[in-house]
Amino acid sequence: MATRTLRRRLRHGDVDGGRNEHMDASGLDALNEPLLGNYSYDEDHSEGYDHRSHEDIWDDKKKEQLHWTYLFSNLIAQWAQWLVNILLGSGSIIGRFLPLPSIIQNGQGNPICLSPLQEERLRYLRQRLEVPFDGSRVEHQDALKQLWRLAYPNREIPPLKSELWKEMGWQGSDPSTDFRGGGFISLENLIFFANNYPDSFQMLLKKQEGKRAEWEYPFAVAGINISFMLIQMLDLQSAGMPTSKAGARFLELLGEDEKAFDNLYCVAFRMLDAQWLAKRASYMEFNEVLTSTRAQLERELALEDTTSIKDLPAYNMLNQ
């Protein structure tokens, strides 16, 4: 009965501040607005006096301290990044003479510090990417002839424009027309494959394993596509450091093996052929197989215990 009377008086506004001081918890339940604390207070004496608990005041002070600590940490981080940019800038005198490492993210938010050796190998690899295939250059012509000798050691080298080149998987009689975006490095990749993994190279060239499709993928052109796929996957054509997860991991592997890109190419080619057979694919499904090959490579590169290309599970296929 007392509670109902109190609630009725609260609704009609006839309970003043002095009486509010003596309200019990059951009376406060009828308030429409949420309370800021668990303690009631007298409005006539609240001005100029903080009735909050010591714990609440201490919490506010801690929050303020954390806020300023956060701002200060961000400021320090910004200044540090600014200093690194100055030291490593191409126009910086200090950056020219001090072999300071570069700092990037590994795609998982963890920083990677590039050693001077890694930076030099990355720079050299990017220089290779910038070289287009030029059929008029003697060294490029010689490279094509070298590839033929490795592929068919017992056969005479045909002219640079011949229908015989189609046997290797070039689309026309002139291989130079097939390179396009692959560049000279794609020819270097094929030569590296033939020199370092001759058994796997010959097996894929001659399609010796598994039940093959009537309309097979062309070997040489597939190799060019694999080179281009790897360049994209590893983010090697970006202006700065690679930012993809696969690209960041590749930079770690590059520190262990200066031929990491060429070895990864061989793994990718062998993996593509295995995916081709597993999917029972035909010529029109080549892009789909290439996409699944890239996805599998990215998964294997993401494995934590991978410290070199030879640690990739698919690398074992090259030894078969």
Protein backbone atom coordinates (compact mmCIF):
# COMPACT_ATOMS: atom_id res chain seq x y z
CA MET A 1 0.00 0.00 0.00
CA ALA A 2 2.86 2.43 0.86
CA THR A 3 4.59 1.67 -2.39
CA ARG A 4 1.49 2.33 -4.49
CA THR A 5 0.91 5.63 -2.66
CA LEU A 6 4.52 6.70 -3.29
CA ARG A 7 4.31 5.87 -6.99
CA ARG A 8 1.04 7.81 -7.28
CA ARG A 9 2.63 10.87 -5.66
CA LEU A 10 5.69 10.59 -7.94
CA ARG A 11 3.49 10.63 -11.03
CA HIS A 12 1.71 13.80 -9.80
CA GLY A 13 5.01 15.53 -8.91
CA ASP A 14 4.20 16.17 -5.28
CA VAL A 15 7.34 14.61 -3.84
CA ASP A 16 10.09 17.21 -3.54
CA GLY A 17 13.86 16.80 -3.46
CA GLY A 18 14.00 16.56 0.31
CA ARG A 19 11.65 13.62 0.36
CA ASN A 20 13.54 11.90 -2.52
CA GLU A 21 16.50 11.50 -0.21
CA HIS A 22 14.53 9.03 1.90
CA MET A 23 13.06 6.93 -0.92
CA ASP A 24 13.85 3.25 -0.77
CA ALA A 25 14.82 1.04 -3.72
CA SER A 26 11.23 -0.02 -4.40
CA GLY A 27 10.23 3.58 -4.96
CA LEU A 28 13.08 4.23 -7.43
CA ASP A 29 11.90 1.41 -9.66
CA ALA A 30 9.06 3.61 -10.91
CA LEU A 31 11.38 6.21 -12.50
CA ASN A 32 11.11 6.33 -16.26
CA GLU A 33 14.71 7.43 -16.96
CA PRO A 34 17.68 5.21 -16.12
CA LEU A 35 19.74 6.05 -13.08
CA LEU A 36 23.41 6.97 -13.44
CA GLY A 37 24.39 5.17 -10.26
CA ASN A 38 23.14 3.01 -7.45
CA TYR A 39 23.10 5.84 -4.96
CA SER A 40 20.24 8.32 -4.45
CA TYR A 41 21.09 11.93 -3.80
CA ASP A 42 19.47 15.18 -2.65
CA GLU A 43 19.09 17.61 -5.54
CA ASP A 44 19.30 20.56 -3.14
CA HIS A 45 22.81 19.56 -2.03
CA SER A 46 24.15 17.98 -5.22
CA GLU A 47 25.54 21.16 -6.75
CA GLY A 48 29.25 21.56 -6.09
CA TYR A 49 29.68 18.12 -4.61
CA ASP A 50 30.58 14.83 -6.35
CA HIS A 51 28.58 11.99 -4.80
CA ARG A 52 30.14 9.27 -7.00
CA SER A 53 32.00 6.44 -5.39
CA HIS A 54 35.77 6.41 -5.17
CA GLU A 55 35.78 3.46 -7.56
CA ASP A 56 33.89 5.46 -10.22
CA ILE A 57 36.26 8.40 -9.89
CA TRP A 58 39.27 6.09 -10.10
CA ASP A 59 37.84 4.41 -13.22
CA ASP A 60 37.45 7.79 -14.90
CA LYS A 61 41.04 8.68 -14.12
CA LYS A 62 42.24 5.36 -15.51
CA LYS A 63 40.25 5.88 -18.70
CA GLU A 64 41.75 9.34 -19.12
CA GLN A 65 45.25 7.98 -18.60
CA LEU A 66 44.66 5.19 -21.14
CA HIS A 67 43.31 7.72 -23.62
CA TRP A 68 46.42 9.90 -23.38
CA THR A 69 48.68 6.85 -23.50
CA TYR A 70 46.98 5.74 -26.71
CA LEU A 71 47.37 9.18 -28.30
CA PHE A 72 51.01 9.37 -27.27
CA SER A 73 51.76 5.89 -28.66
CA ASN A 74 50.18 6.80 -32.00
CA LEU A 75 52.25 9.96 -32.14
CA ILE A 76 55.46 8.03 -31.47
CA ALA A 77 54.56 5.46 -34.17
CA GLN A 78 53.90 8.21 -36.71
CA TRP A 79 57.19 9.91 -35.97
CA ALA A 80 59.03 6.60 -36.21
CA GLN A 81 57.48 5.83 -39.61
CA TRP A 82 58.32 9.36 -40.78
CA LEU A 83 61.94 8.86 -39.72
CA VAL A 84 62.17 5.49 -41.50
CA ASN A 85 60.79 7.01 -44.69
CA ILE A 86 63.46 9.70 -44.57
CA LEU A 87 66.28 7.24 -43.92
CA LEU A 88 65.17 4.79 -46.62
CA GLY A 89 64.08 7.34 -49.19
CA SER A 90 65.84 7.14 -52.55
CA GLY A 91 66.85 10.77 -52.24
CA SER A 92 68.21 10.48 -48.72
CA ILE A 93 71.96 10.68 -48.28
CA ILE A 94 71.74 8.42 -45.24
CA GLY A 95 69.57 5.95 -47.18
CA ARG A 96 72.23 5.72 -49.87
CA PHE A 97 75.10 4.80 -47.61
CA LEU A 98 73.50 2.89 -44.74
CA PRO A 99 72.16 -0.62 -45.57
CA LEU A 100 69.08 -0.18 -43.39
CA PRO A 101 66.38 -2.87 -43.69
CA SER A 102 62.92 -2.17 -45.09
CA ILE A 103 59.84 -2.90 -42.98
CA ILE A 104 56.66 -4.27 -44.52
CA GLN A 105 53.62 -6.23 -43.37
CA ASN A 106 53.42 -9.96 -44.05
CA GLY A 107 49.71 -9.87 -44.89
CA GLN A 108 48.78 -11.01 -41.39
CA GLY A 109 49.57 -7.70 -39.70
CA ASN A 110 53.05 -8.81 -38.59
CA PRO A 111 56.00 -6.67 -39.70
CA ILE A 112 58.74 -8.17 -41.87
CA CYS A 113 62.17 -6.60 -41.86
CA LEU A 114 63.84 -7.05 -45.25
CA SER A 115 67.58 -7.58 -45.16
CA PRO A 116 69.82 -5.88 -47.73
CA LEU A 117 70.18 -9.30 -49.39
CA GLN A 118 66.42 -9.69 -49.78
CA GLU A 119 66.12 -6.16 -51.13
CA GLU A 120 68.86 -6.81 -53.69
CA ARG A 121 67.28 -10.07 -54.84
CA LEU A 122 63.86 -8.44 -55.13
CA ARG A 123 65.36 -5.58 -57.13
CA TYR A 124 67.08 -8.02 -59.50
CA LEU A 125 63.89 -10.05 -59.95
CA ARG A 126 61.94 -6.93 -60.83
CA GLN A 127 64.61 -5.99 -63.36
CA ARG A 128 64.03 -9.36 -65.02
CA LEU A 129 60.30 -8.67 -65.15
CA GLU A 130 60.86 -5.46 -67.07
CA VAL A 131 62.56 -7.18 -70.01
CA PRO A 132 60.10 -7.91 -72.86
CA PHE A 133 60.80 -10.70 -75.29
CA ASP A 134 62.35 -9.30 -78.45
CA GLY A 135 62.66 -11.68 -81.37
CA SER A 136 65.18 -9.38 -83.04
CA ARG A 137 67.70 -9.66 -80.19
CA VAL A 138 70.34 -12.32 -80.71
CA GLU A 139 70.41 -13.36 -77.03
CA HIS A 140 66.65 -13.92 -77.10
CA GLN A 141 66.92 -15.97 -80.27
CA ASP A 142 69.69 -18.02 -78.67
CA ALA A 143 67.51 -18.61 -75.62
CA LEU A 144 64.76 -20.06 -77.83
CA LYS A 145 67.28 -22.33 -79.49
CA GLN A 146 68.56 -23.43 -76.09
CA LEU A 147 65.03 -24.35 -75.05
CA TRP A 148 64.64 -26.49 -78.16
CA ARG A 149 67.92 -28.29 -77.47
CA LEU A 150 66.79 -29.06 -73.92
CA ALA A 151 63.37 -30.23 -75.07
CA TYR A 152 64.56 -32.29 -78.04
CA PRO A 153 68.27 -33.00 -77.58
CA ASN A 154 68.43 -35.41 -80.50
CA ARG A 155 66.71 -33.20 -83.06
CA GLU A 156 67.96 -30.42 -85.24
CA ILE A 157 67.01 -26.90 -84.23
CA PRO A 158 64.41 -25.56 -86.66
CA PRO A 159 64.37 -21.99 -88.02
CA LEU A 160 62.94 -19.38 -85.69
CA LYS A 161 59.80 -19.41 -87.80
CA SER A 162 58.72 -22.98 -88.41
CA GLU A 163 55.66 -25.15 -87.96
CA LEU A 164 57.83 -27.46 -85.84
CA TRP A 165 57.60 -25.05 -82.92
CA LYS A 166 53.95 -26.00 -82.52
CA GLU A 167 55.08 -29.42 -81.29
CA MET A 168 56.42 -27.71 -78.15
CA GLY A 169 53.13 -26.01 -77.54
CA TRP A 170 53.53 -22.65 -79.27
CA GLN A 171 50.34 -21.48 -80.92
CA GLY A 172 51.90 -20.50 -84.21
CA SER A 173 55.02 -20.97 -86.29
CA ASP A 174 56.64 -17.93 -84.66
CA PRO A 175 57.08 -18.36 -80.87
CA SER A 176 57.87 -14.67 -80.41
CA THR A 177 54.19 -13.80 -80.94
CA ASP A 178 53.11 -15.84 -77.89
CA PHE A 179 55.02 -14.06 -75.14
CA ARG A 180 52.96 -10.87 -74.89
CA GLY A 181 52.72 -10.00 -71.16
CA GLY A 182 54.91 -12.90 -70.07
CA GLY A 183 58.14 -11.22 -71.09
CA PHE A 184 61.57 -12.74 -71.42
CA ILE A 185 61.41 -14.12 -67.88
CA SER A 186 58.80 -16.66 -68.97
CA LEU A 187 61.31 -18.11 -71.45
CA GLU A 188 63.95 -18.11 -68.72
CA ASN A 189 61.51 -20.02 -66.49
CA LEU A 190 61.03 -22.73 -69.12
CA ILE A 191 64.79 -23.07 -69.57
CA PHE A 192 65.29 -23.25 -65.79
CA PHE A 193 62.63 -25.96 -65.57
CA ALA A 194 64.31 -28.02 -68.28
CA ASN A 195 67.78 -27.62 -66.77
CA ASN A 196 66.95 -28.30 -63.12
CA TYR A 197 64.04 -30.76 -63.29
CA PRO A 198 64.54 -32.48 -66.65
CA ASP A 199 62.43 -35.55 -65.80
CA SER A 200 59.38 -33.50 -64.81
CA PHE A 201 59.93 -31.16 -67.74
CA GLN A 202 59.95 -34.01 -70.25
CA MET A 203 56.98 -35.69 -68.62
CA LEU A 204 54.86 -32.55 -68.92
CA LEU A 205 56.13 -31.66 -72.37
CA LYS A 206 55.25 -35.08 -73.75
CA LYS A 207 52.16 -35.52 -71.55
CA GLN A 208 53.37 -38.89 -70.33
CA GLU A 209 51.35 -39.12 -67.11
CA GLY A 210 47.67 -39.92 -66.64
CA LYS A 211 44.74 -40.08 -69.01
CA ARG A 212 45.03 -37.06 -71.26
CA ALA A 213 42.30 -35.07 -72.94
CA GLU A 214 41.85 -35.11 -76.67
CA TRP A 215 42.41 -31.35 -76.70
CA GLU A 216 45.37 -30.81 -74.36
CA TYR A 217 46.78 -27.54 -73.11
CA PRO A 218 49.76 -26.28 -75.18
CA PHE A 219 52.88 -26.79 -73.07
CA ALA A 220 54.90 -23.67 -73.94
CA VAL A 221 51.97 -21.26 -73.86
CA ALA A 222 50.85 -22.75 -70.53
CA GLY A 223 54.31 -22.00 -69.19
CA ILE A 224 53.99 -18.34 -70.18
CA ASN A 225 50.61 -18.13 -68.45
CA ILE A 226 52.08 -19.63 -65.28
CA SER A 227 54.83 -17.00 -65.20
CA PHE A 228 52.27 -14.22 -65.55
CA MET A 229 50.04 -15.77 -62.87
CA LEU A 230 52.92 -15.91 -60.39
CA ILE A 231 53.86 -12.29 -61.04
CA GLN A 232 50.31 -11.26 -60.21
CA MET A 233 49.92 -13.57 -57.22
CA LEU A 234 53.16 -12.37 -55.64
CA ASP A 235 52.36 -8.71 -56.33
CA LEU A 236 55.75 -8.21 -57.99
CA GLN A 237 54.67 -5.45 -60.36
CA SER A 238 53.50 -3.07 -57.64
CA ALA A 239 55.40 0.17 -57.17
CA GLY A 240 56.29 -0.56 -53.54
CA MET A 241 56.73 -3.69 -51.53
CA PRO A 242 54.33 -6.61 -52.13
CA THR A 243 51.30 -6.38 -49.87
CA SER A 244 49.55 -9.69 -50.54
CA LYS A 245 50.01 -12.56 -48.09
CA ALA A 246 51.63 -14.72 -50.75
CA GLY A 247 53.90 -11.86 -51.82
CA ALA A 248 55.05 -11.14 -48.28
CA ARG A 249 55.77 -14.81 -47.61
CA PHE A 250 57.64 -15.06 -50.91
CA LEU A 251 60.01 -12.29 -49.79
CA GLU A 252 60.89 -14.41 -46.77
CA LEU A 253 61.66 -17.36 -49.05
CA LEU A 254 63.67 -15.13 -51.36
CA GLY A 255 66.10 -14.55 -48.53
CA GLU A 256 66.82 -18.28 -48.43
CA ASP A 257 66.90 -18.94 -52.18
CA GLU A 258 67.82 -16.42 -54.88
CA LYS A 259 66.07 -18.70 -57.41
CA ALA A 260 62.88 -18.87 -55.36
CA PHE A 261 60.75 -17.49 -58.20
CA ASP A 262 62.11 -19.99 -60.74
CA ASN A 263 61.71 -22.91 -58.35
CA LEU A 264 58.18 -21.82 -57.48
CA TYR A 265 57.46 -21.70 -61.21
CA CYS A 266 58.45 -25.36 -61.56
CA VAL A 267 56.26 -26.31 -58.60
CA ALA A 268 53.36 -24.38 -60.11
CA PHE A 269 53.73 -26.06 -63.52
CA ARG A 270 53.79 -29.50 -61.95
CA MET A 271 50.81 -28.61 -59.78
CA LEU A 272 48.85 -27.30 -62.77
CA ASP A 273 49.29 -30.58 -64.61
CA ALA A 274 48.16 -32.55 -61.55
CA GLN A 275 45.05 -30.34 -61.25
CA TRP A 276 44.44 -30.78 -64.97
CA LEU A 277 44.39 -34.55 -64.63
CA ALA A 278 42.33 -34.52 -61.43
CA LYS A 279 39.66 -32.35 -63.07
CA ARG A 280 39.84 -34.28 -66.35
CA ALA A 281 40.02 -30.90 -67.95
CA SER A 282 40.14 -29.96 -71.60
CA TYR A 283 41.53 -26.93 -73.44
CA MET A 284 38.56 -24.65 -72.77
CA GLU A 285 38.94 -25.22 -69.00
CA PHE A 286 42.56 -24.08 -68.83
CA ASN A 287 41.80 -20.77 -67.07
CA GLU A 288 39.76 -22.58 -64.43
CA VAL A 289 42.64 -24.98 -63.76
CA LEU A 290 45.09 -22.08 -63.62
CA THR A 291 42.89 -20.33 -61.04
CA SER A 292 42.68 -23.43 -58.84
CA THR A 293 46.46 -23.85 -59.14
CA ARG A 294 46.96 -20.32 -57.85
CA ALA A 295 44.62 -20.95 -54.92
CA GLN A 296 46.51 -24.12 -53.98
CA LEU A 297 49.86 -22.31 -54.17
CA GLU A 298 48.56 -19.55 -51.89
CA ARG A 299 47.42 -22.13 -49.34
CA GLU A 300 50.79 -23.87 -49.34
CA LEU A 301 52.71 -20.62 -49.08
CA ALA A 302 50.61 -19.74 -46.02
CA LEU A 303 51.79 -22.82 -44.10
CA GLU A 304 53.71 -21.75 -41.01
CA ASP A 305 56.52 -24.30 -41.32
CA THR A 306 57.44 -23.20 -44.85
CA THR A 307 60.94 -21.71 -44.88
CA SER A 308 61.91 -22.54 -48.47
CA ILE A 309 60.27 -23.57 -51.73
CA LYS A 310 61.38 -27.13 -51.06
CA ASP A 311 59.17 -27.17 -47.95
CA LEU A 312 56.03 -26.83 -50.06
CA PRO A 313 54.08 -30.12 -50.17
CA ALA A 314 53.74 -29.84 -53.95
CA TYR A 315 57.52 -29.65 -54.36
CA ASN A 316 57.70 -33.41 -53.80
CA MET A 317 55.91 -33.93 -57.11
CA LEU A 318 58.98 -32.62 -58.94
CA ASN A 319 60.99 -35.56 -57.64
CA GLN A 320 58.66 -38.18 -59.14
